[in-house]
C-alpha atoms as a PDB file:
ATOM      1  CA  UNK A   1     -21.529  16.382 -33.727  1.00  0.00           C
ATOM      2  CA  UNK A   2     -19.237  16.260 -36.853  1.00  0.00           C
ATOM      3  CA  UNK A   3     -15.818  14.571 -36.781  1.00  0.00           C
ATOM      4  CA  UNK A   4     -14.078  18.045 -36.710  1.00  0.00           C
ATOM      5  CA  UNK A   5     -16.240  19.229 -33.825  1.00  0.00           C
ATOM      6  CA  UNK A   6     -15.523  16.134 -31.816  1.00  0.00           C
ATOM      7  CA  UNK A   7     -11.837  16.640 -32.384  1.00  0.00           C
ATOM      8  CA  UNK A   8     -11.883  20.199 -31.295  1.00  0.00           C
ATOM      9  CA  UNK A   9     -14.009  19.241 -28.104  1.00  0.00           C
ATOM     10  CA  UNK A  10     -11.316  16.919 -26.608  1.00  0.00           C
ATOM     11  CA  UNK A  11      -8.489  19.211 -27.774  1.00  0.00           C
ATOM     12  CA  UNK A  12      -7.086  16.962 -30.332  1.00  0.00           C
ATOM     13  CA  UNK A  13      -6.043  17.633 -33.955  1.00  0.00           C
ATOM     14  CA  UNK A  14      -8.660  18.270 -36.457  1.00  0.00           C
ATOM     15  CA  UNK A  15      -9.052  15.746 -39.416  1.00  0.00           C
ATOM     16  CA  UNK A  16      -7.014  18.031 -41.558  1.00  0.00           C
ATOM     17  CA  UNK A  17      -4.136  17.769 -39.137  1.00  0.00           C
ATOM     18  CA  UNK A  18      -4.355  21.173 -37.436  1.00  0.00           C
ATOM     19  CA  UNK A  19      -3.339  20.900 -33.783  1.00  0.00           C
ATOM     20  CA  UNK A  20      -5.782  22.235 -31.069  1.00  0.00           C
ATOM     21  CA  UNK A  21      -4.672  23.250 -27.556  1.00  0.00           C
ATOM     22  CA  UNK A  22      -6.578  22.706 -24.554  1.00  0.00           C
ATOM     23  CA  UNK A  23      -5.861  26.056 -23.563  1.00  0.00           C
ATOM     24  CA  UNK A  24      -5.149  25.052 -19.786  1.00  0.00           C
ATOM     25  CA  UNK A  25      -2.621  25.911 -17.409  1.00  0.00           C
ATOM     26  CA  UNK A  26       1.026  24.820 -17.798  1.00  0.00           C
ATOM     27  CA  UNK A  27       2.930  22.639 -15.465  1.00  0.00           C
ATOM     28  CA  UNK A  28       4.019  25.744 -13.283  1.00  0.00           C
ATOM     29  CA  UNK A  29       0.613  27.394 -13.440  1.00  0.00           C
ATOM     30  CA  UNK A  30       1.272  29.497 -16.510  1.00  0.00           C
ATOM     31  CA  UNK A  31      -1.363  29.806 -19.134  1.00  0.00           C
ATOM     32  CA  UNK A  32      -0.495  28.230 -22.414  1.00  0.00           C
ATOM     33  CA  UNK A  33      -1.206  29.752 -25.784  1.00  0.00           C
ATOM     34  CA  UNK A  34      -4.256  28.440 -27.467  1.00  0.00           C
ATOM     35  CA  UNK A  35      -2.889  29.065 -31.061  1.00  0.00           C
ATOM     36  CA  UNK A  36       0.550  29.028 -32.700  1.00  0.00           C
ATOM     37  CA  UNK A  37       2.545  26.201 -34.071  1.00  0.00           C
ATOM     38  CA  UNK A  38       3.485  24.763 -30.933  1.00  0.00           C
ATOM     39  CA  UNK A  39       0.333  25.075 -28.910  1.00  0.00           C
ATOM     40  CA  UNK A  40      -0.806  21.444 -29.537  1.00  0.00           C
ATOM     41  CA  UNK A  41       2.559  19.926 -28.742  1.00  0.00           C
ATOM     42  CA  UNK A  42       2.656  21.874 -25.553  1.00  0.00           C
ATOM     43  CA  UNK A  43      -0.791  20.984 -24.472  1.00  0.00           C
ATOM     44  CA  UNK A  44      -0.195  17.167 -25.194  1.00  0.00           C
ATOM     45  CA  UNK A  45       2.998  17.324 -23.197  1.00  0.00           C
ATOM     46  CA  UNK A  46       1.389  19.183 -20.254  1.00  0.00           C
ATOM     47  CA  UNK A  47      -1.449  16.677 -20.362  1.00  0.00           C
ATOM     48  CA  UNK A  48       0.935  13.913 -19.332  1.00  0.00           C
ATOM     49  CA  UNK A  49       3.253  15.950 -17.065  1.00  0.00           C
ATOM     50  CA  UNK A  50       5.136  13.771 -14.510  1.00  0.00           C
ATOM     51  CA  UNK A  51       7.773  14.211 -11.810  1.00  0.00           C
ATOM     52  CA  UNK A  52       8.192  10.416 -11.612  1.00  0.00           C
ATOM     53  CA  UNK A  53      10.207   9.781 -14.654  1.00  0.00           C
ATOM     54  CA  UNK A  54      11.823  11.395 -17.529  1.00  0.00           C
ATOM     55  CA  UNK A  55      12.185   9.323 -20.735  1.00  0.00           C
ATOM     56  CA  UNK A  56      13.991  10.647 -23.595  1.00  0.00           C
ATOM     57  CA  UNK A  57      15.992   9.281 -26.467  1.00  0.00           C
ATOM     58  CA  UNK A  58      18.947   7.681 -24.718  1.00  0.00           C
ATOM     59  CA  UNK A  59      17.774   9.167 -21.248  1.00  0.00           C
ATOM     60  CA  UNK A  60      15.983   7.258 -18.555  1.00  0.00           C
ATOM     61  CA  UNK A  61      15.571   9.093 -15.175  1.00  0.00           C
ATOM     62  CA  UNK A  62      13.609   8.008 -12.100  1.00  0.00           C
ATOM     63  CA  UNK A  63      12.746  10.932 -10.003  1.00  0.00           C
ATOM     64  CA  UNK A  64      15.650  12.782 -11.385  1.00  0.00           C
ATOM     65  CA  UNK A  65      18.106  10.103 -11.002  1.00  0.00           C
ATOM     66  CA  UNK A  66      19.612   8.387 -13.999  1.00  0.00           C
ATOM     67  CA  UNK A  67      18.801   4.810 -14.074  1.00  0.00           C
ATOM     68  CA  UNK A  68      22.427   3.813 -14.847  1.00  0.00           C
ATOM     69  CA  UNK A  69      23.371   5.350 -11.436  1.00  0.00           C
ATOM     70  CA  UNK A  70      20.569   3.302  -9.603  1.00  0.00           C
ATOM     71  CA  UNK A  71      21.244  -0.333 -11.019  1.00  0.00           C
ATOM     72  CA  UNK A  72      23.247  -2.305  -8.833  1.00  0.00           C
ATOM     73  CA  UNK A  73      23.241   0.565  -6.143  1.00  0.00           C
ATOM     74  CA  UNK A  74      19.799   0.485  -4.844  1.00  0.00           C
ATOM     75  CA  UNK A  75      17.564  -2.143  -3.298  1.00  0.00           C
ATOM     76  CA  UNK A  76      14.253  -2.838  -4.384  1.00  0.00           C
ATOM     77  CA  UNK A  77      12.513  -1.446  -1.278  1.00  0.00           C
ATOM     78  CA  UNK A  78      14.564   1.682  -1.521  1.00  0.00           C
ATOM     79  CA  UNK A  79      13.606   1.857  -5.214  1.00  0.00           C
ATOM     80  CA  UNK A  80       9.861   1.795  -4.184  1.00  0.00           C
ATOM     81  CA  UNK A  81      10.364   4.399  -1.694  1.00  0.00           C
ATOM     82  CA  UNK A  82      12.195   6.622  -4.183  1.00  0.00           C
ATOM     83  CA  UNK A  83       9.410   6.145  -6.693  1.00  0.00           C
ATOM     84  CA  UNK A  84       6.619   6.974  -4.309  1.00  0.00           C
ATOM     85  CA  UNK A  85       8.315   9.556  -2.288  1.00  0.00           C
ATOM     86  CA  UNK A  86      10.820  11.295  -4.574  1.00  0.00           C
ATOM     87  CA  UNK A  87      13.644  10.873  -2.436  1.00  0.00           C
ATOM     88  CA  UNK A  88      15.874   7.957  -1.205  1.00  0.00           C
ATOM     89  CA  UNK A  89      15.280   6.740   2.317  1.00  0.00           C
ATOM     90  CA  UNK A  90      18.094   6.218   5.030  1.00  0.00           C
ATOM     91  CA  UNK A  91      19.154   2.519   5.583  1.00  0.00           C
ATOM     92  CA  UNK A  92      17.053   2.037   8.674  1.00  0.00           C
ATOM     93  CA  UNK A  93      13.925   3.266   7.208  1.00  0.00           C
ATOM     94  CA  UNK A  94      14.465   1.279   4.094  1.00  0.00           C
ATOM     95  CA  UNK A  95      15.111  -1.861   6.243  1.00  0.00           C
ATOM     96  CA  UNK A  96      11.772  -1.344   7.993  1.00  0.00           C
ATOM     97  CA  UNK A  97       9.874  -0.932   4.683  1.00  0.00           C
ATOM     98  CA  UNK A  98      11.705  -3.975   3.349  1.00  0.00           C
ATOM     99  CA  UNK A  99      10.570  -6.033   6.548  1.00  0.00           C
ATOM    100  CA  UNK A 100       6.933  -5.090   6.070  1.00  0.00           C
ATOM    101  CA  UNK A 101       7.070  -6.089   2.378  1.00  0.00           C
ATOM    102  CA  UNK A 102       8.700  -9.291   3.280  1.00  0.00           C
ATOM    103  CA  UNK A 103       6.308 -10.104   5.935  1.00  0.00           C
ATOM    104  CA  UNK A 104       3.042 -10.085   3.840  1.00  0.00           C
ATOM    105  CA  UNK A 105       4.318 -11.809   0.685  1.00  0.00           C
ATOM    106  CA  UNK A 106       1.966 -14.811   1.032  1.00  0.00           C
ATOM    107  CA  UNK A 107      -0.496 -16.576   3.106  1.00  0.00           C
ATOM    108  CA  UNK A 108      -1.160 -19.704   1.005  1.00  0.00           C
ATOM    109  CA  UNK A 109      -4.241 -20.986  -0.922  1.00  0.00           C
ATOM    110  CA  UNK A 110      -6.302 -20.059   2.157  1.00  0.00           C
ATOM    111  CA  UNK A 111      -6.154 -16.573   0.839  1.00  0.00           C
ATOM    112  CA  UNK A 112      -8.732 -15.842  -1.891  1.00  0.00           C
ATOM    113  CA  UNK A 113      -6.216 -13.854  -3.877  1.00  0.00           C
ATOM    114  CA  UNK A 114      -3.768 -16.780  -4.099  1.00  0.00           C
ATOM    115  CA  UNK A 115      -6.669 -19.381  -4.541  1.00  0.00           C
ATOM    116  CA  UNK A 116      -8.071 -17.410  -7.529  1.00  0.00           C
ATOM    117  CA  UNK A 117      -4.780 -16.911  -9.231  1.00  0.00           C
ATOM    118  CA  UNK A 118      -3.923 -20.729  -9.237  1.00  0.00           C
ATOM    119  CA  UNK A 119      -7.467 -21.380 -10.569  1.00  0.00           C
ATOM    120  CA  UNK A 120      -6.776 -18.846 -13.295  1.00  0.00           C
ATOM    121  CA  UNK A 121      -3.460 -20.211 -14.162  1.00  0.00           C
ATOM    122  CA  UNK A 122      -5.440 -23.341 -15.252  1.00  0.00           C
ATOM    123  CA  UNK A 123      -7.707 -21.604 -17.566  1.00  0.00           C
ATOM    124  CA  UNK A 124      -5.272 -20.950 -20.354  1.00  0.00           C
ATOM    125  CA  UNK A 125      -4.287 -17.431 -19.426  1.00  0.00           C
ATOM    126  CA  UNK A 126      -0.896 -15.982 -19.134  1.00  0.00           C
ATOM    127  CA  UNK A 127       1.052 -15.491 -15.903  1.00  0.00           C
ATOM    128  CA  UNK A 128       0.188 -11.489 -16.168  1.00  0.00           C
ATOM    129  CA  UNK A 129      -3.548 -12.404 -16.257  1.00  0.00           C
ATOM    130  CA  UNK A 130      -3.357 -14.810 -13.352  1.00  0.00           C
ATOM    131  CA  UNK A 131      -1.552 -12.173 -11.237  1.00  0.00           C
ATOM    132  CA  UNK A 132      -4.122  -9.591 -12.151  1.00  0.00           C
ATOM    133  CA  UNK A 133      -6.810 -11.897 -11.178  1.00  0.00           C
ATOM    134  CA  UNK A 134      -5.247 -12.301  -7.778  1.00  0.00           C
ATOM    135  CA  UNK A 135      -4.562  -8.667  -7.311  1.00  0.00           C
ATOM    136  CA  UNK A 136      -8.042  -7.661  -8.328  1.00  0.00           C
ATOM    137  CA  UNK A 137      -9.554  -9.443  -5.115  1.00  0.00           C
ATOM    138  CA  UNK A 138      -7.450  -7.396  -2.883  1.00  0.00           C
ATOM    139  CA  UNK A 139     -10.433  -5.136  -1.696  1.00  0.00           C
ATOM    140  CA  UNK A 140     -11.605  -3.885   1.429  1.00  0.00           C
ATOM    141  CA  UNK A 141     -12.312  -7.149   3.219  1.00  0.00           C
ATOM    142  CA  UNK A 142      -9.338  -9.203   1.706  1.00  0.00           C
ATOM    143  CA  UNK A 143      -6.416  -6.726   1.424  1.00  0.00           C
ATOM    144  CA  UNK A 144      -7.655  -3.508   2.722  1.00  0.00           C
ATOM    145  CA  UNK A 145      -7.321  -4.059   6.357  1.00  0.00           C
ATOM    146  CA  UNK A 146      -3.874  -2.251   6.451  1.00  0.00           C
ATOM    147  CA  UNK A 147      -4.984   0.778   4.927  1.00  0.00           C
ATOM    148  CA  UNK A 148      -8.079   0.954   7.420  1.00  0.00           C
ATOM    149  CA  UNK A 149      -5.763   0.206  10.304  1.00  0.00           C
ATOM    150  CA  UNK A 150      -3.461   3.145   9.297  1.00  0.00           C
ATOM    151  CA  UNK A 151      -6.599   5.471   9.331  1.00  0.00           C
ATOM    152  CA  UNK A 152      -7.528   3.957  12.849  1.00  0.00           C
ATOM    153  CA  UNK A 153      -4.037   4.618  14.268  1.00  0.00           C
ATOM    154  CA  UNK A 154      -3.856   8.047  12.763  1.00  0.00           C
ATOM    155  CA  UNK A 155      -7.182   8.849  14.384  1.00  0.00           C
ATOM    156  CA  UNK A 156      -5.832   7.826  17.911  1.00  0.00           C
ATOM    157  CA  UNK A 157      -2.574   9.777  17.277  1.00  0.00           C
ATOM    158  CA  UNK A 158      -4.241  12.751  16.133  1.00  0.00           C
ATOM    159  CA  UNK A 159      -6.644  12.824  19.167  1.00  0.00           C
ATOM    160  CA  UNK A 160      -3.898  12.249  21.695  1.00  0.00           C
ATOM    161  CA  UNK A 161      -1.665  15.087  20.512  1.00  0.00           C
ATOM    162  CA  UNK A 162      -0.929  17.759  23.167  1.00  0.00           C
ATOM    163  CA  UNK A 163      -1.170  21.667  22.667  1.00  0.00           C
ATOM    164  CA  UNK A 164       2.389  21.366  21.221  1.00  0.00           C
ATOM    165  CA  UNK A 165       1.568  18.567  18.864  1.00  0.00           C
ATOM    166  CA  UNK A 166       3.272  16.050  21.208  1.00  0.00           C
ATOM    167  CA  UNK A 167       1.518  12.738  21.652  1.00  0.00           C
ATOM    168  CA  UNK A 168       2.812  12.566  25.185  1.00  0.00           C
ATOM    169  CA  UNK A 169       4.600   9.246  25.096  1.00  0.00           C
ATOM    170  CA  UNK A 170       8.201   8.647  25.685  1.00  0.00           C
ATOM    171  CA  UNK A 171       9.855   7.335  22.252  1.00  0.00           C
ATOM    172  CA  UNK A 172      11.828   5.036  24.315  1.00  0.00           C
ATOM    173  CA  UNK A 173       8.983   3.684  26.273  1.00  0.00           C
ATOM    174  CA  UNK A 174       7.604   1.269  23.567  1.00  0.00           C
ATOM    175  CA  UNK A 175       6.800  -2.223  24.643  1.00  0.00           C
ATOM    176  CA  UNK A 176       5.595  -4.671  22.016  1.00  0.00           C
ATOM    177  CA  UNK A 177       3.905  -7.116  24.677  1.00  0.00           C
ATOM    178  CA  UNK A 178       0.469  -5.960  25.397  1.00  0.00           C
ATOM    179  CA  UNK A 179       0.773  -8.078  28.532  1.00  0.00           C
ATOM    180  CA  UNK A 180       3.986  -6.199  29.609  1.00  0.00           C
ATOM    181  CA  UNK A 181       1.953  -3.327  31.341  1.00  0.00           C
ATOM    182  CA  UNK A 182       1.301   0.207  30.113  1.00  0.00           C
ATOM    183  CA  UNK A 183       2.267   0.691  26.460  1.00  0.00           C
ATOM    184  CA  UNK A 184       3.080   4.239  27.004  1.00  0.00           C
ATOM    185  CA  UNK A 185       1.547   7.370  28.407  1.00  0.00           C
ATOM    186  CA  UNK A 186       0.240   8.955  25.395  1.00  0.00           C
ATOM    187  CA  UNK A 187      -2.857   7.449  23.472  1.00  0.00           C
ATOM    188  CA  UNK A 188      -4.822   5.657  26.245  1.00  0.00           C
ATOM    189  CA  UNK A 189      -7.817   7.664  26.777  1.00  0.00           C
ATOM    190  CA  UNK A 190      -8.064   8.745  23.061  1.00  0.00           C
ATOM    191  CA  UNK A 191      -7.605   5.226  22.032  1.00  0.00           C
ATOM    192  CA  UNK A 192     -10.490   4.156  24.182  1.00  0.00           C
ATOM    193  CA  UNK A 193     -12.824   6.636  22.550  1.00  0.00           C
ATOM    194  CA  UNK A 194     -11.660   5.880  18.961  1.00  0.00           C
ATOM    195  CA  UNK A 195     -12.171   2.231  19.645  1.00  0.00           C
ATOM    196  CA  UNK A 196     -15.692   2.786  20.890  1.00  0.00           C
ATOM    197  CA  UNK A 197     -16.602   4.829  17.786  1.00  0.00           C
ATOM    198  CA  UNK A 198     -15.082   2.340  15.268  1.00  0.00           C
ATOM    199  CA  UNK A 199     -16.766  -0.666  17.017  1.00  0.00           C
ATOM    200  CA  UNK A 200     -19.953   1.328  17.049  1.00  0.00           C
ATOM    201  CA  UNK A 201     -20.003   0.843  13.075  1.00  0.00           C
ATOM    202  CA  UNK A 202     -18.383  -2.606  12.997  1.00  0.00           C
ATOM    203  CA  UNK A 203     -17.352  -5.099  15.842  1.00  0.00           C
ATOM    204  CA  UNK A 204     -14.172  -5.986  13.863  1.00  0.00           C
ATOM    205  CA  UNK A 205     -11.298  -3.611  14.157  1.00  0.00           C
ATOM    206  CA  UNK A 206      -9.092  -3.628  11.109  1.00  0.00           C
ATOM    207  CA  UNK A 207      -5.552  -5.014  11.848  1.00  0.00           C
ATOM    208  CA  UNK A 208      -6.661  -7.086  14.901  1.00  0.00           C
ATOM    209  CA  UNK A 209      -7.563 -10.695  15.052  1.00  0.00           C
ATOM    210  CA  UNK A 210      -6.928 -13.601  12.819  1.00  0.00           C
ATOM    211  CA  UNK A 211      -9.015 -16.468  11.490  1.00  0.00           C
ATOM    212  CA  UNK A 212      -5.976 -18.982  11.502  1.00  0.00           C
ATOM    213  CA  UNK A 213      -3.477 -17.645  14.068  1.00  0.00           C
ATOM    214  CA  UNK A 214      -4.158 -17.294  17.851  1.00  0.00           C
ATOM    215  CA  UNK A 215      -0.978 -14.881  17.549  1.00  0.00           C
ATOM    216  CA  UNK A 216       0.093 -14.032  14.184  1.00  0.00           C
ATOM    217  CA  UNK A 217       3.822 -15.017  13.985  1.00  0.00           C
ATOM    218  CA  UNK A 218       4.665 -12.079  11.793  1.00  0.00           C
ATOM    219  CA  UNK A 219       3.566  -9.646  14.645  1.00  0.00           C
ATOM    220  CA  UNK A 220       6.420  -9.910  17.014  1.00  0.00           C
ATOM    221  CA  UNK A 221       9.388  -9.403  14.543  1.00  0.00           C
ATOM    222  CA  UNK A 222       7.878  -6.369  12.809  1.00  0.00           C
ATOM    223  CA  UNK A 223       6.893  -4.706  16.142  1.00  0.00           C
ATOM    224  CA  UNK A 224      10.060  -5.360  17.427  1.00  0.00           C
ATOM    225  CA  UNK A 225      11.956  -3.633  14.627  1.00  0.00           C
ATOM    226  CA  UNK A 226       9.758  -0.599  14.986  1.00  0.00           C
ATOM    227  CA  UNK A 227      10.289  -0.684  18.871  1.00  0.00           C
ATOM    228  CA  UNK A 228      13.992  -0.452  18.147  1.00  0.00           C
ATOM    229  CA  UNK A 229      13.648   2.164  15.427  1.00  0.00           C
ATOM    230  CA  UNK A 230      11.719   4.346  17.877  1.00  0.00           C
ATOM    231  CA  UNK A 231      14.230   3.841  20.783  1.00  0.00           C
ATOM    232  CA  UNK A 232      16.912   4.899  18.414  1.00  0.00           C
ATOM    233  CA  UNK A 233      15.036   8.041  17.262  1.00  0.00           C
ATOM    234  CA  UNK A 234      14.509   6.781  13.646  1.00  0.00           C
ATOM    235  CA  UNK A 235      10.713   6.903  13.854  1.00  0.00           C
ATOM    236  CA  UNK A 236       8.503   8.728  16.512  1.00  0.00           C
ATOM    237  CA  UNK A 237       6.817   5.564  17.815  1.00  0.00           C
ATOM    238  CA  UNK A 238       3.479   7.415  18.018  1.00  0.00           C
ATOM    239  CA  UNK A 239       1.658   4.853  15.910  1.00  0.00           C
ATOM    240  CA  UNK A 240       3.148   1.830  17.471  1.00  0.00           C
ATOM    241  CA  UNK A 241       2.086   3.114  21.085  1.00  0.00           C
ATOM    242  CA  UNK A 242      -1.542   3.609  19.593  1.00  0.00           C
ATOM    243  CA  UNK A 243      -1.655   0.099  18.054  1.00  0.00           C
ATOM    244  CA  UNK A 244      -0.364  -1.537  21.437  1.00  0.00           C
ATOM    245  CA  UNK A 245      -2.814   0.612  23.474  1.00  0.00           C
ATOM    246  CA  UNK A 246      -5.830  -0.657  21.098  1.00  0.00           C
ATOM    247  CA  UNK A 247      -4.426  -4.137  21.474  1.00  0.00           C
ATOM    248  CA  UNK A 248      -4.677  -3.770  25.275  1.00  0.00           C
ATOM    249  CA  UNK A 249      -7.986  -2.451  25.163  1.00  0.00           C
ATOM    250  CA  UNK A 250      -9.422  -5.212  23.258  1.00  0.00           C
ATOM    251  CA  UNK A 251      -7.220  -8.121  24.716  1.00  0.00           C
ATOM    252  CA  UNK A 252      -7.241 -11.142  24.205  1.00  0.00           C
ATOM    253  CA  UNK A 253      -7.580 -10.330  20.562  1.00  0.00           C
ATOM    254  CA  UNK A 254      -4.032  -9.623  19.269  1.00  0.00           C
ATOM    255  CA  UNK A 255      -2.686  -7.568  16.369  1.00  0.00           C
ATOM    256  CA  UNK A 256      -2.452  -9.279  12.908  1.00  0.00           C
ATOM    257  CA  UNK A 257      -0.142  -8.789  10.135  1.00  0.00           C
ATOM    258  CA  UNK A 258      -2.302  -6.018   8.704  1.00  0.00           C
ATOM    259  CA  UNK A 259      -1.951  -4.134  11.951  1.00  0.00           C
ATOM    260  CA  UNK A 260       1.700  -4.795  12.331  1.00  0.00           C
ATOM    261  CA  UNK A 261       2.347  -3.485   8.668  1.00  0.00           C
ATOM    262  CA  UNK A 262       0.130  -0.492   9.307  1.00  0.00           C
ATOM    263  CA  UNK A 263       2.364   0.496  12.222  1.00  0.00           C
ATOM    264  CA  UNK A 264       5.394   0.242   9.906  1.00  0.00           C
ATOM    265  CA  UNK A 265       3.811   2.129   7.142  1.00  0.00           C
ATOM    266  CA  UNK A 266       2.311   4.875   9.438  1.00  0.00           C
ATOM    267  CA  UNK A 267       5.651   5.274  11.213  1.00  0.00           C
ATOM    268  CA  UNK A 268       7.380   5.605   7.984  1.00  0.00           C
ATOM    269  CA  UNK A 269       4.916   8.511   6.869  1.00  0.00           C
ATOM    270  CA  UNK A 270       3.134   6.642   4.181  1.00  0.00           C
ATOM    271  CA  UNK A 271      -0.493   7.878   3.633  1.00  0.00           C
ATOM    272  CA  UNK A 272      -3.342   5.458   4.412  1.00  0.00           C
ATOM    273  CA  UNK A 273      -4.048   4.485   0.704  1.00  0.00           C
ATOM    274  CA  UNK A 274      -0.466   3.712  -0.072  1.00  0.00           C
ATOM    275  CA  UNK A 275      -0.693   0.976   2.903  1.00  0.00           C
ATOM    276  CA  UNK A 276      -2.894  -0.998   0.504  1.00  0.00           C
ATOM    277  CA  UNK A 277      -0.804  -0.227  -2.523  1.00  0.00           C
ATOM    278  CA  UNK A 278       2.384  -1.537  -0.631  1.00  0.00           C
ATOM    279  CA  UNK A 279       0.410  -4.690   0.642  1.00  0.00           C
ATOM    280  CA  UNK A 280      -0.543  -5.269  -3.192  1.00  0.00           C
ATOM    281  CA  UNK A 281       3.015  -5.047  -4.184  1.00  0.00           C
ATOM    282  CA  UNK A 282       4.135  -7.529  -1.533  1.00  0.00           C
ATOM    283  CA  UNK A 283       1.297  -9.966  -1.930  1.00  0.00           C
ATOM    284  CA  UNK A 284       1.895  -9.941  -5.842  1.00  0.00           C
ATOM    285  CA  UNK A 285       5.212 -11.952  -5.180  1.00  0.00           C
ATOM    286  CA  UNK A 286       3.227 -14.706  -3.533  1.00  0.00           C
ATOM    287  CA  UNK A 287       0.404 -14.568  -6.198  1.00  0.00           C
ATOM    288  CA  UNK A 288       3.121 -14.950  -8.812  1.00  0.00           C
ATOM    289  CA  UNK A 289       4.804 -17.927  -7.193  1.00  0.00           C
ATOM    290  CA  UNK A 290       1.524 -19.648  -6.645  1.00  0.00           C
ATOM    291  CA  UNK A 291       0.437 -19.104 -10.311  1.00  0.00           C
ATOM    292  CA  UNK A 292       3.773 -20.320 -11.496  1.00  0.00           C
ATOM    293  CA  UNK A 293       3.688 -23.468  -9.436  1.00  0.00           C
ATOM    294  CA  UNK A 294       0.015 -24.163 -10.552  1.00  0.00           C
ATOM    295  CA  UNK A 295       0.948 -23.584 -14.270  1.00  0.00           C
ATOM    296  CA  UNK A 296       3.325 -26.610 -13.949  1.00  0.00           C
ATOM    297  CA  UNK A 297       1.047 -29.126 -12.271  1.00  0.00           C
ATOM    298  CA  UNK A 298      -0.687 -29.987 -15.414  1.00  0.00           C
ATOM    299  CA  UNK A 299      -4.493 -29.228 -14.232  1.00  0.00           C
ATOM    300  CA  UNK A 300      -7.066 -27.583 -16.361  1.00  0.00           C
ATOM    301  CA  UNK A 301     -10.011 -25.517 -15.547  1.00  0.00           C
ATOM    302  CA  UNK A 302      -9.319 -25.986 -11.664  1.00  0.00           C
ATOM    303  CA  UNK A 303     -12.183 -25.122  -9.614  1.00  0.00           C
ATOM    304  CA  UNK A 304     -12.583 -24.021  -6.041  1.00  0.00           C
ATOM    305  CA  UNK A 305     -13.438 -27.707  -4.884  1.00  0.00           C
ATOM    306  CA  UNK A 306     -12.151 -30.946  -6.184  1.00  0.00           C
ATOM    307  CA  UNK A 307     -14.515 -32.447  -8.685  1.00  0.00           C
ATOM    308  CA  UNK A 308     -15.417 -35.388  -6.163  1.00  0.00           C
ATOM    309  CA  UNK A 309     -17.018 -32.891  -3.920  1.00  0.00           C
ATOM    310  CA  UNK A 310     -20.486 -31.700  -5.036  1.00  0.00           C
ATOM    311  CA  UNK A 311     -21.913 -28.650  -3.521  1.00  0.00           C
ATOM    312  CA  UNK A 312     -24.798 -28.885  -1.182  1.00  0.00           C
ATOM    313  CA  UNK A 313     -28.221 -28.392  -2.892  1.00  0.00           C
ATOM    314  CA  UNK A 314     -30.188 -25.657  -1.096  1.00  0.00           C
END
């Protein structure tokens, strides 16, 4: 393929500078011209069309709001909501989101994402590389349980909806202690069926149990806030009732931070994949703090075990 043919194939300019249009639909679905003086510019603009931000000379708008109107007037959790959802949350929902983000910031060097970021910081890379190294370890096993738990809860809630779409539970009847009796009247039977299906695939349920904590100290504060919000009608409470019913079914295995934050994100209406994205944002703070601390301790080429310990030969 010649240079000219290759340029035409991707819709870019010819070697002689002639703009080529891709001929696809515009932002509103209107077909764009495939010829004419503006065809190439329009196609390029449509290629990167976005509702997230508008950047022009002397103009910065985020979701349609001038950045100068946001600076000093909006919190970071609200900003995250605005950027992801295109609207600003009310104060109670913003507070719930912020509580979830705060709760999962760090879990020490026991967490692989933290440990590897600290090791990276001793290898001559910058903080951005160290943080990226840690974030890149947040996969299905370490970092993905929140997303998976949202899917689990959604399955219970969807299955327990009545003919009118109601889950059958009283929004005010939300107890956060699995030992406190019935967790609500809605999701019980469906939760048992869903748990059975999930455990047939894997004995571990995402969002439940912890390798360090007999009872995750972050569980109760988060679920307490969700319960209060449900009682006040800020959130529906269906996902909280589903999580508590699952916890009751698999007792004595308690909910962990992934389960508690999954409840928050699901109650706030975030899709399951964003539960992982929000966890990544939260944990990035801890990763950054650990990488920065490690960079000031003078170690070079820090490995996963001290040099005095030799791996067992097998």
